[in-house]
Amino acid sequence: MSKLLLLNLLMGAGLAYAAVREYRQDARTFRVLAAVSSLSLLVSLGLASQLQH
């Protein structure tokens, strides 16, 4: 389970980085990447919460 959490955190961080790089070029792509990144990081929080119980 912790490998899944790490993978999800890396994916969320990578998507956030891509969104920041895309910010000045295409606003629509930025919004999509930012939304997916946020969702991924929220799932990571949920997984981390489950690991603690």
N, C-alpha and C. Protein backbone atom coordinates (compact mmCIF):
# COMPACT_ATOMS: atom_id res chain seq x y z
N MET A 1 0.83 -1.20 0.00
CA MET A 1 0.00 0.00 0.00
C MET A 1 0.86 1.26 0.00
N SER A 2 2.00 1.22 0.68
CA SER A 2 2.83 2.42 0.73
C SER A 2 3.48 2.72 -0.62
N LYS A 3 3.68 1.67 -1.45
CA LYS A 3 4.22 1.91 -2.79
C LYS A 3 3.20 2.66 -3.65
N LEU A 4 1.94 2.32 -3.46
CA LEU A 4 0.87 3.02 -4.18
C LEU A 4 0.80 4.48 -3.75
N LEU A 5 0.96 4.71 -2.46
CA LEU A 5 0.96 6.08 -1.94
C LEU A 5 2.12 6.87 -2.53
N LEU A 6 3.31 6.30 -2.54
CA LEU A 6 4.48 6.98 -3.10
C LEU A 6 4.29 7.27 -4.59
N LEU A 7 3.78 6.30 -5.31
CA LEU A 7 3.54 6.48 -6.75
C LEU A 7 2.53 7.60 -6.98
N ASN A 8 1.47 7.63 -6.18
CA ASN A 8 0.45 8.66 -6.32
C ASN A 8 1.00 10.05 -5.99
N LEU A 9 1.84 10.13 -4.95
CA LEU A 9 2.46 11.41 -4.61
C LEU A 9 3.38 11.89 -5.73
N LEU A 10 4.17 10.99 -6.29
CA LEU A 10 5.06 11.37 -7.39
C LEU A 10 4.27 11.81 -8.61
N MET A 11 3.18 11.10 -8.91
CA MET A 11 2.35 11.48 -10.05
C MET A 11 1.73 12.86 -9.82
N GLY A 12 1.22 13.10 -8.62
CA GLY A 12 0.62 14.40 -8.32
C GLY A 12 1.63 15.53 -8.42
N ALA A 13 2.83 15.29 -7.89
CA ALA A 13 3.87 16.32 -7.96
C ALA A 13 4.31 16.56 -9.40
N GLY A 14 4.42 15.50 -10.17
CA GLY A 14 4.80 15.64 -11.57
C GLY A 14 3.75 16.41 -12.38
N LEU A 15 2.50 16.12 -12.12
CA LEU A 15 1.42 16.83 -12.80
C LEU A 15 1.37 18.30 -12.38
N ALA A 16 1.64 18.56 -11.11
CA ALA A 16 1.68 19.95 -10.64
C ALA A 16 2.81 20.70 -11.33
N TYR A 17 3.96 20.06 -11.46
CA TYR A 17 5.10 20.68 -12.14
C TYR A 17 4.76 20.96 -13.61
N ALA A 18 4.12 19.99 -14.26
CA ALA A 18 3.73 20.17 -15.66
C ALA A 18 2.72 21.31 -15.79
N ALA A 19 1.81 21.41 -14.84
CA ALA A 19 0.80 22.48 -14.88
C ALA A 19 1.47 23.85 -14.75
N VAL A 20 2.45 23.96 -13.86
CA VAL A 20 3.15 25.24 -13.69
C VAL A 20 3.91 25.61 -14.95
N ARG A 21 4.54 24.62 -15.58
CA ARG A 21 5.28 24.90 -16.82
C ARG A 21 4.34 25.31 -17.96
N GLU A 22 3.13 24.79 -17.94
CA GLU A 22 2.17 25.06 -19.01
C GLU A 22 1.37 26.34 -18.77
N TYR A 23 1.47 26.91 -17.58
CA TYR A 23 0.62 28.02 -17.16
C TYR A 23 0.61 29.19 -18.14
N ARG A 24 1.75 29.61 -18.61
CA ARG A 24 1.83 30.80 -19.48
C ARG A 24 1.44 30.51 -20.93
N GLN A 25 1.47 29.24 -21.32
CA GLN A 25 1.24 28.92 -22.73
C GLN A 25 -0.23 28.62 -23.05
N ASP A 26 -0.87 27.85 -22.20
CA ASP A 26 -2.24 27.42 -22.52
C ASP A 26 -3.05 27.28 -21.23
N ALA A 27 -3.97 28.18 -21.02
CA ALA A 27 -4.74 28.21 -19.77
C ALA A 27 -5.61 26.97 -19.61
N ARG A 28 -6.19 26.45 -20.68
CA ARG A 28 -7.05 25.28 -20.57
C ARG A 28 -6.26 24.05 -20.13
N THR A 29 -5.11 23.85 -20.74
CA THR A 29 -4.26 22.72 -20.35
C THR A 29 -3.81 22.87 -18.90
N PHE A 30 -3.50 24.08 -18.50
CA PHE A 30 -3.11 24.34 -17.11
C PHE A 30 -4.23 23.93 -16.16
N ARG A 31 -5.45 24.32 -16.46
CA ARG A 31 -6.57 23.99 -15.58
C ARG A 31 -6.79 22.49 -15.47
N VAL A 32 -6.68 21.79 -16.60
CA VAL A 32 -6.86 20.34 -16.58
C VAL A 32 -5.76 19.67 -15.76
N LEU A 33 -4.51 20.06 -16.01
CA LEU A 33 -3.40 19.47 -15.27
C LEU A 33 -3.48 19.78 -13.78
N ALA A 34 -3.87 20.99 -13.45
CA ALA A 34 -3.99 21.37 -12.05
C ALA A 34 -5.11 20.58 -11.36
N ALA A 35 -6.22 20.37 -12.06
CA ALA A 35 -7.33 19.61 -11.49
C ALA A 35 -6.94 18.15 -11.26
N VAL A 36 -6.28 17.55 -12.23
CA VAL A 36 -5.87 16.14 -12.09
C VAL A 36 -4.82 16.01 -10.99
N SER A 37 -3.91 16.97 -10.93
CA SER A 37 -2.89 16.96 -9.88
C SER A 37 -3.53 17.07 -8.50
N SER A 38 -4.48 17.96 -8.35
CA SER A 38 -5.16 18.12 -7.07
C SER A 38 -5.89 16.84 -6.68
N LEU A 39 -6.55 16.23 -7.63
CA LEU A 39 -7.26 14.98 -7.35
C LEU A 39 -6.28 13.89 -6.92
N SER A 40 -5.16 13.80 -7.60
CA SER A 40 -4.16 12.80 -7.25
C SER A 40 -3.62 13.01 -5.85
N LEU A 41 -3.37 14.26 -5.50
CA LEU A 41 -2.84 14.55 -4.16
C LEU A 41 -3.90 14.31 -3.08
N LEU A 42 -5.17 14.55 -3.40
CA LEU A 42 -6.24 14.23 -2.45
C LEU A 42 -6.35 12.72 -2.21
N VAL A 43 -6.21 11.95 -3.26
CA VAL A 43 -6.21 10.50 -3.12
C VAL A 43 -5.04 10.06 -2.26
N SER A 44 -3.88 10.71 -2.44
CA SER A 44 -2.71 10.39 -1.62
C SER A 44 -2.99 10.66 -0.15
N LEU A 45 -3.66 11.75 0.14
CA LEU A 45 -4.02 12.05 1.53
C LEU A 45 -4.95 10.98 2.10
N GLY A 46 -5.89 10.54 1.29
CA GLY A 46 -6.79 9.48 1.72
C GLY A 46 -6.05 8.18 1.99
N LEU A 47 -5.12 7.83 1.11
CA LEU A 47 -4.33 6.62 1.31
C LEU A 47 -3.47 6.73 2.57
N ALA A 48 -2.88 7.89 2.77
CA ALA A 48 -2.04 8.09 3.97
C ALA A 48 -2.90 7.97 5.23
N SER A 49 -4.11 8.48 5.16
CA SER A 49 -5.01 8.40 6.31
C SER A 49 -5.36 6.94 6.62
N GLN A 50 -5.59 6.15 5.60
CA GLN A 50 -5.92 4.75 5.80
C GLN A 50 -4.73 3.97 6.35
N LEU A 51 -3.53 4.34 5.97
CA LEU A 51 -2.34 3.64 6.46
C LEU A 51 -2.13 3.87 7.96
N GLN A 52 -2.59 5.00 8.46
CA GLN A 52 -2.39 5.30 9.87
C GLN A 52 -3.37 4.57 10.77
N HIS A 53 -4.48 4.08 10.25
CA HIS A 53 -5.49 3.40 11.08
C HIS A 53 -5.22 1.94 11.20
